[in-house]
């Protein structure tokens, strides 16, 4: 199973969202809250990677990021684009990794809610 759960470069992972046979964007986005919850409980090993992604997200929206744009407009935008690409790709890759991991957790299965039977 460890061979299946490999990390890819962020840009490659970002383009894998659209590759047939891989989980789509909706499935990956829906898995993010479950991934964070499983990481917080210590069930999933994504803590370090999620922390790096959180730092990238904070960097993108922080006011400190305005400083490079003031002095070098183009380079400041390029650095934002690079961090945003890393953030999106790493998030999509980690969500795919989580979806591969999720069914294998002993005692943790994901089942759709059973349909409600009208009385």
N, C-alpha and C. Protein backbone atom coordinates (compact mmCIF):
# COMPACT_ATOMS: atom_id res chain seq x y z
N UNK A 1 0.83 -1.19 0.00
CA UNK A 1 0.00 0.00 0.00
C UNK A 1 0.87 1.26 0.00
N UNK A 2 2.04 1.20 0.60
CA UNK A 2 2.89 2.39 0.66
C UNK A 2 3.29 2.85 -0.73
N UNK A 3 3.45 1.90 -1.66
CA UNK A 3 3.80 2.27 -3.03
C UNK A 3 2.69 3.05 -3.72
N UNK A 4 1.45 2.74 -3.35
CA UNK A 4 0.32 3.44 -3.97
C UNK A 4 0.22 4.87 -3.46
N UNK A 5 0.63 5.11 -2.24
CA UNK A 5 0.45 6.42 -1.62
C UNK A 5 1.69 7.29 -1.79
N UNK A 6 2.06 7.59 -3.01
CA UNK A 6 3.23 8.42 -3.22
C UNK A 6 2.80 9.85 -3.52
N UNK A 7 3.67 10.78 -3.18
CA UNK A 7 3.41 12.18 -3.44
C UNK A 7 3.96 12.57 -4.79
N UNK A 8 3.29 13.49 -5.44
CA UNK A 8 3.72 13.96 -6.75
C UNK A 8 4.06 15.43 -6.66
N UNK A 9 4.69 15.93 -7.72
CA UNK A 9 4.93 17.37 -7.77
C UNK A 9 3.58 18.08 -7.82
N UNK A 10 3.52 19.25 -7.27
CA UNK A 10 2.24 19.96 -7.13
C UNK A 10 1.56 20.20 -8.47
N UNK A 11 2.30 20.62 -9.46
CA UNK A 11 1.68 20.91 -10.76
C UNK A 11 1.14 19.64 -11.41
N UNK A 12 1.90 18.56 -11.34
CA UNK A 12 1.45 17.28 -11.87
C UNK A 12 0.19 16.83 -11.15
N UNK A 13 0.19 16.98 -9.83
CA UNK A 13 -0.97 16.58 -9.04
C UNK A 13 -2.19 17.43 -9.39
N UNK A 14 -1.97 18.68 -9.67
CA UNK A 14 -3.08 19.56 -10.03
C UNK A 14 -3.73 19.12 -11.34
N UNK A 15 -2.91 18.71 -12.31
CA UNK A 15 -3.45 18.25 -13.59
C UNK A 15 -4.07 16.87 -13.49
N UNK A 16 -3.68 16.07 -12.49
CA UNK A 16 -4.27 14.74 -12.32
C UNK A 16 -5.75 14.81 -11.95
N UNK A 17 -6.22 15.94 -11.49
CA UNK A 17 -7.64 16.09 -11.14
C UNK A 17 -8.51 15.80 -12.36
N UNK A 18 -8.00 16.12 -13.53
CA UNK A 18 -8.80 15.98 -14.75
C UNK A 18 -8.51 14.69 -15.50
N UNK A 19 -7.64 13.84 -14.97
CA UNK A 19 -7.29 12.58 -15.62
C UNK A 19 -8.38 11.55 -15.37
N UNK A 20 -8.84 10.86 -16.41
CA UNK A 20 -9.86 9.82 -16.20
C UNK A 20 -9.32 8.71 -15.29
N UNK A 21 -10.18 8.20 -14.44
CA UNK A 21 -9.80 7.13 -13.54
C UNK A 21 -9.31 7.61 -12.18
N UNK A 22 -9.17 8.91 -12.01
CA UNK A 22 -8.78 9.45 -10.71
C UNK A 22 -9.99 10.16 -10.10
N UNK A 23 -10.00 10.33 -8.79
CA UNK A 23 -11.13 11.04 -8.18
C UNK A 23 -11.26 12.45 -8.75
N UNK A 24 -12.46 12.85 -9.02
CA UNK A 24 -12.70 14.18 -9.58
C UNK A 24 -12.56 15.28 -8.55
N UNK A 25 -12.69 16.50 -9.03
CA UNK A 25 -12.53 17.67 -8.17
C UNK A 25 -13.54 17.68 -7.03
N UNK A 26 -14.79 17.34 -7.32
CA UNK A 26 -15.82 17.33 -6.29
C UNK A 26 -15.54 16.34 -5.18
N UNK A 27 -15.09 15.13 -5.56
CA UNK A 27 -14.76 14.12 -4.56
C UNK A 27 -13.60 14.56 -3.69
N UNK A 28 -12.61 15.18 -4.32
CA UNK A 28 -11.44 15.62 -3.57
C UNK A 28 -11.80 16.75 -2.60
N UNK A 29 -12.60 17.71 -3.08
CA UNK A 29 -13.00 18.81 -2.21
C UNK A 29 -13.86 18.33 -1.05
N UNK A 30 -14.72 17.34 -1.32
CA UNK A 30 -15.56 16.80 -0.26
C UNK A 30 -14.75 16.03 0.77
N UNK A 31 -13.59 15.50 0.38
CA UNK A 31 -12.76 14.71 1.29
C UNK A 31 -11.92 15.58 2.21
N UNK A 32 -11.75 16.85 1.88
CA UNK A 32 -10.86 17.72 2.68
C UNK A 32 -11.29 17.83 4.14
N UNK A 33 -12.57 18.08 4.45
CA UNK A 33 -12.94 18.14 5.88
C UNK A 33 -12.71 16.82 6.61
N UNK A 34 -12.99 15.68 5.95
CA UNK A 34 -12.74 14.37 6.56
C UNK A 34 -11.25 14.16 6.77
N UNK A 35 -10.44 14.62 5.82
CA UNK A 35 -8.99 14.48 5.92
C UNK A 35 -8.46 15.29 7.12
N UNK A 36 -8.96 16.51 7.26
CA UNK A 36 -8.52 17.35 8.38
C UNK A 36 -8.95 16.71 9.71
N UNK A 37 -10.19 16.22 9.76
CA UNK A 37 -10.69 15.58 10.98
C UNK A 37 -9.86 14.34 11.33
N UNK A 38 -9.57 13.49 10.33
CA UNK A 38 -8.78 12.28 10.58
C UNK A 38 -7.36 12.64 11.01
N UNK A 39 -6.81 13.72 10.47
CA UNK A 39 -5.47 14.16 10.86
C UNK A 39 -5.49 14.68 12.29
N UNK A 40 -6.50 15.44 12.65
CA UNK A 40 -6.59 15.99 14.01
C UNK A 40 -6.75 14.87 15.05
N UNK A 41 -7.42 13.80 14.68
CA UNK A 41 -7.60 12.66 15.58
C UNK A 41 -6.35 11.77 15.65
N UNK A 42 -5.42 11.98 14.73
CA UNK A 42 -4.22 11.15 14.69
C UNK A 42 -4.38 9.88 13.90
N UNK A 43 -5.47 9.75 13.16
CA UNK A 43 -5.71 8.54 12.36
C UNK A 43 -4.96 8.59 11.04
N UNK A 44 -4.78 9.77 10.49
CA UNK A 44 -4.15 9.94 9.18
C UNK A 44 -2.83 10.67 9.37
N UNK A 45 -1.83 10.32 8.58
CA UNK A 45 -0.48 10.86 8.77
C UNK A 45 -0.21 12.14 7.99
N UNK A 46 -1.19 12.95 7.71
CA UNK A 46 -1.01 14.13 6.88
C UNK A 46 -0.74 15.42 7.62
N UNK A 47 -0.39 15.35 8.89
CA UNK A 47 -0.23 16.56 9.70
C UNK A 47 0.81 17.53 9.18
N UNK A 48 1.99 17.05 8.87
CA UNK A 48 3.06 17.92 8.38
C UNK A 48 2.72 18.55 7.03
N UNK A 49 2.14 17.75 6.16
CA UNK A 49 1.77 18.28 4.83
C UNK A 49 0.64 19.29 4.94
N UNK A 50 -0.33 19.03 5.80
CA UNK A 50 -1.42 19.99 5.99
C UNK A 50 -0.90 21.28 6.61
N UNK A 51 0.07 21.18 7.49
CA UNK A 51 0.66 22.39 8.10
C UNK A 51 1.37 23.23 7.03
N UNK A 52 2.10 22.57 6.13
CA UNK A 52 2.77 23.30 5.05
C UNK A 52 1.76 23.98 4.13
N UNK A 53 0.66 23.29 3.84
CA UNK A 53 -0.37 23.89 2.99
C UNK A 53 -1.04 25.06 3.70
N UNK A 54 -1.24 24.94 5.01
CA UNK A 54 -1.84 26.04 5.77
C UNK A 54 -0.91 27.26 5.74
N UNK A 55 0.39 27.02 5.88
CA UNK A 55 1.34 28.13 5.82
C UNK A 55 1.34 28.79 4.44
N UNK A 56 1.21 27.99 3.39
CA UNK A 56 1.14 28.55 2.04
C UNK A 56 -0.12 29.39 1.88
N UNK A 57 -1.25 28.92 2.41
CA UNK A 57 -2.48 29.68 2.34
C UNK A 57 -2.40 30.98 3.11
N UNK A 58 -1.78 30.94 4.28
CA UNK A 58 -1.62 32.16 5.07
C UNK A 58 -0.71 33.15 4.34
N UNK A 59 0.34 32.65 3.70
CA UNK A 59 1.26 33.52 2.96
C UNK A 59 0.54 34.24 1.82
N UNK A 60 -0.33 33.53 1.14
CA UNK A 60 -1.03 34.12 -0.01
C UNK A 60 -1.93 35.27 0.43
N UNK A 61 -2.61 35.12 1.58
CA UNK A 61 -3.56 36.14 2.00
C UNK A 61 -2.98 37.15 2.99
N UNK A 62 -1.74 36.94 3.43
CA UNK A 62 -1.18 37.84 4.46
C UNK A 62 -0.78 39.20 3.88
N UNK A 63 -0.83 40.24 4.69
CA UNK A 63 -0.41 41.56 4.23
C UNK A 63 1.10 41.64 3.99
N UNK A 64 1.88 40.76 4.59
CA UNK A 64 3.33 40.76 4.37
C UNK A 64 3.63 40.47 2.90
N UNK A 65 2.75 39.74 2.25
CA UNK A 65 2.95 39.38 0.85
C UNK A 65 2.86 40.60 -0.07
N UNK A 66 2.35 41.71 0.41
CA UNK A 66 2.23 42.92 -0.42
C UNK A 66 3.61 43.55 -0.66
N UNK A 67 4.56 43.33 0.24
CA UNK A 67 5.87 43.96 0.14
C UNK A 67 6.58 43.62 -1.17
N UNK A 68 6.66 42.34 -1.61
CA UNK A 68 7.32 42.08 -2.90
C UNK A 68 6.60 42.75 -4.07
N UNK A 69 5.29 42.86 -4.00
CA UNK A 69 4.56 43.50 -5.10
C UNK A 69 4.86 45.00 -5.19
N UNK A 70 5.15 45.65 -4.08
CA UNK A 70 5.44 47.07 -4.09
C UNK A 70 6.74 47.38 -4.84
N UNK A 71 7.75 46.55 -4.63
CA UNK A 71 9.06 46.82 -5.23
C UNK A 71 9.23 46.19 -6.60
N UNK A 72 8.78 44.98 -6.75
CA UNK A 72 8.92 44.28 -8.03
C UNK A 72 7.57 43.66 -8.37
N UNK A 73 6.77 44.41 -9.08
CA UNK A 73 5.39 44.00 -9.36
C UNK A 73 5.33 42.61 -9.99
N UNK A 74 6.09 42.39 -11.05
CA UNK A 74 6.01 41.12 -11.78
C UNK A 74 6.53 39.97 -10.92
N UNK A 75 7.67 40.15 -10.28
CA UNK A 75 8.23 39.08 -9.45
C UNK A 75 7.32 38.77 -8.27
N UNK A 76 6.67 39.77 -7.73
CA UNK A 76 5.74 39.53 -6.63
C UNK A 76 4.55 38.70 -7.06
N UNK A 77 4.06 38.95 -8.26
CA UNK A 77 2.94 38.15 -8.77
C UNK A 77 3.38 36.74 -9.13
N UNK A 78 4.60 36.61 -9.66
CA UNK A 78 5.11 35.28 -9.99
C UNK A 78 5.27 34.45 -8.72
N UNK A 79 5.75 35.05 -7.68
CA UNK A 79 5.91 34.31 -6.42
C UNK A 79 4.55 33.91 -5.86
N UNK A 80 3.53 34.77 -5.99
CA UNK A 80 2.18 34.40 -5.57
C UNK A 80 1.63 33.24 -6.41
N UNK A 81 1.87 33.29 -7.71
CA UNK A 81 1.40 32.22 -8.59
C UNK A 81 2.07 30.90 -8.24
N UNK A 82 3.36 30.94 -7.93
CA UNK A 82 4.08 29.72 -7.57
C UNK A 82 3.53 29.13 -6.27
N UNK A 83 3.30 29.96 -5.28
CA UNK A 83 2.78 29.48 -4.00
C UNK A 83 1.34 28.97 -4.17
N UNK A 84 0.54 29.66 -4.95
CA UNK A 84 -0.84 29.23 -5.19
C UNK A 84 -0.87 27.90 -5.94
N UNK A 85 0.03 27.72 -6.91
CA UNK A 85 0.11 26.45 -7.64
C UNK A 85 0.51 25.33 -6.71
N UNK A 86 1.51 25.60 -5.85
CA UNK A 86 1.91 24.59 -4.87
C UNK A 86 0.72 24.24 -3.97
N UNK A 87 0.04 25.25 -3.47
CA UNK A 87 -1.07 25.05 -2.54
C UNK A 87 -2.17 24.19 -3.18
N UNK A 88 -2.60 24.56 -4.37
CA UNK A 88 -3.69 23.83 -5.03
C UNK A 88 -3.26 22.41 -5.38
N UNK A 89 -2.06 22.26 -5.93
CA UNK A 89 -1.59 20.94 -6.31
C UNK A 89 -1.37 20.04 -5.11
N UNK A 90 -0.76 20.57 -4.06
CA UNK A 90 -0.52 19.77 -2.86
C UNK A 90 -1.83 19.37 -2.20
N UNK A 91 -2.79 20.27 -2.18
CA UNK A 91 -4.09 19.96 -1.59
C UNK A 91 -4.81 18.87 -2.38
N UNK A 92 -4.78 18.96 -3.70
CA UNK A 92 -5.43 17.95 -4.52
C UNK A 92 -4.71 16.60 -4.41
N UNK A 93 -3.38 16.63 -4.35
CA UNK A 93 -2.61 15.40 -4.20
C UNK A 93 -2.87 14.75 -2.85
N UNK A 94 -2.90 15.55 -1.81
CA UNK A 94 -3.14 15.01 -0.47
C UNK A 94 -4.56 14.47 -0.35
N UNK A 95 -5.52 15.14 -1.01
CA UNK A 95 -6.90 14.64 -0.99
C UNK A 95 -6.99 13.30 -1.72
N UNK A 96 -6.25 13.15 -2.83
CA UNK A 96 -6.24 11.86 -3.53
C UNK A 96 -5.59 10.79 -2.66
N UNK A 97 -4.49 11.14 -2.01
CA UNK A 97 -3.82 10.21 -1.10
C UNK A 97 -4.77 9.78 0.02
N UNK A 98 -5.52 10.75 0.55
CA UNK A 98 -6.47 10.45 1.62
C UNK A 98 -7.57 9.52 1.12
N UNK A 99 -8.08 9.77 -0.08
CA UNK A 99 -9.14 8.91 -0.62
C UNK A 99 -8.63 7.49 -0.86
N UNK A 100 -7.36 7.33 -1.22
CA UNK A 100 -6.78 5.99 -1.36
C UNK A 100 -6.62 5.33 0.01
N UNK A 101 -6.30 6.11 1.02
CA UNK A 101 -6.08 5.58 2.36
C UNK A 101 -7.39 5.26 3.07
N UNK A 102 -8.38 6.09 2.89
CA UNK A 102 -9.60 6.04 3.70
C UNK A 102 -10.26 4.67 3.82
N UNK A 103 -10.46 3.93 2.76
CA UNK A 103 -11.15 2.64 2.92
C UNK A 103 -10.33 1.60 3.67
N UNK A 104 -9.01 1.78 3.80
CA UNK A 104 -8.15 0.78 4.41
C UNK A 104 -8.01 0.93 5.91
N UNK A 105 -8.61 1.92 6.50
CA UNK A 105 -8.46 2.13 7.93
C UNK A 105 -9.30 1.09 8.67
N UNK A 106 -8.68 0.30 9.55
CA UNK A 106 -9.46 -0.70 10.28
C UNK A 106 -10.53 -0.04 11.15
N UNK A 107 -11.75 -0.52 11.03
CA UNK A 107 -12.84 0.00 11.83
C UNK A 107 -13.39 1.34 11.37
N UNK A 108 -12.92 1.85 10.24
CA UNK A 108 -13.38 3.15 9.76
C UNK A 108 -13.84 2.98 8.32
N UNK A 109 -15.13 2.91 8.14
CA UNK A 109 -15.65 2.77 6.79
C UNK A 109 -16.55 3.96 6.48
N UNK A 110 -16.57 4.31 5.24
CA UNK A 110 -17.40 5.42 4.80
C UNK A 110 -18.56 4.83 4.01
N UNK A 111 -19.73 4.97 4.55
CA UNK A 111 -20.93 4.49 3.87
C UNK A 111 -21.87 5.66 3.65
N UNK A 112 -22.54 5.65 2.51
CA UNK A 112 -23.54 6.70 2.33
C UNK A 112 -24.67 6.52 3.35
N UNK A 113 -25.28 7.60 3.71
CA UNK A 113 -26.39 7.55 4.66
C UNK A 113 -27.51 6.70 4.06
N UNK A 114 -28.06 5.76 4.83
CA UNK A 114 -29.14 4.94 4.27
C UNK A 114 -30.36 5.80 3.95
N UNK A 115 -31.09 5.42 2.92
CA UNK A 115 -32.27 6.23 2.56
C UNK A 115 -33.32 6.18 3.67
N UNK A 116 -33.99 7.27 3.83
CA UNK A 116 -35.02 7.37 4.85
C UNK A 116 -36.29 6.73 4.30
N UNK A 117 -36.85 5.85 5.08
CA UNK A 117 -38.08 5.16 4.67
C UNK A 117 -39.26 5.93 5.24
N UNK A 118 -40.15 6.40 4.35
CA UNK A 118 -41.32 7.13 4.87
C UNK A 118 -42.24 6.17 5.64
N UNK A 119 -42.84 6.68 6.70
CA UNK A 119 -43.74 5.83 7.51
C UNK A 119 -45.16 6.08 7.16
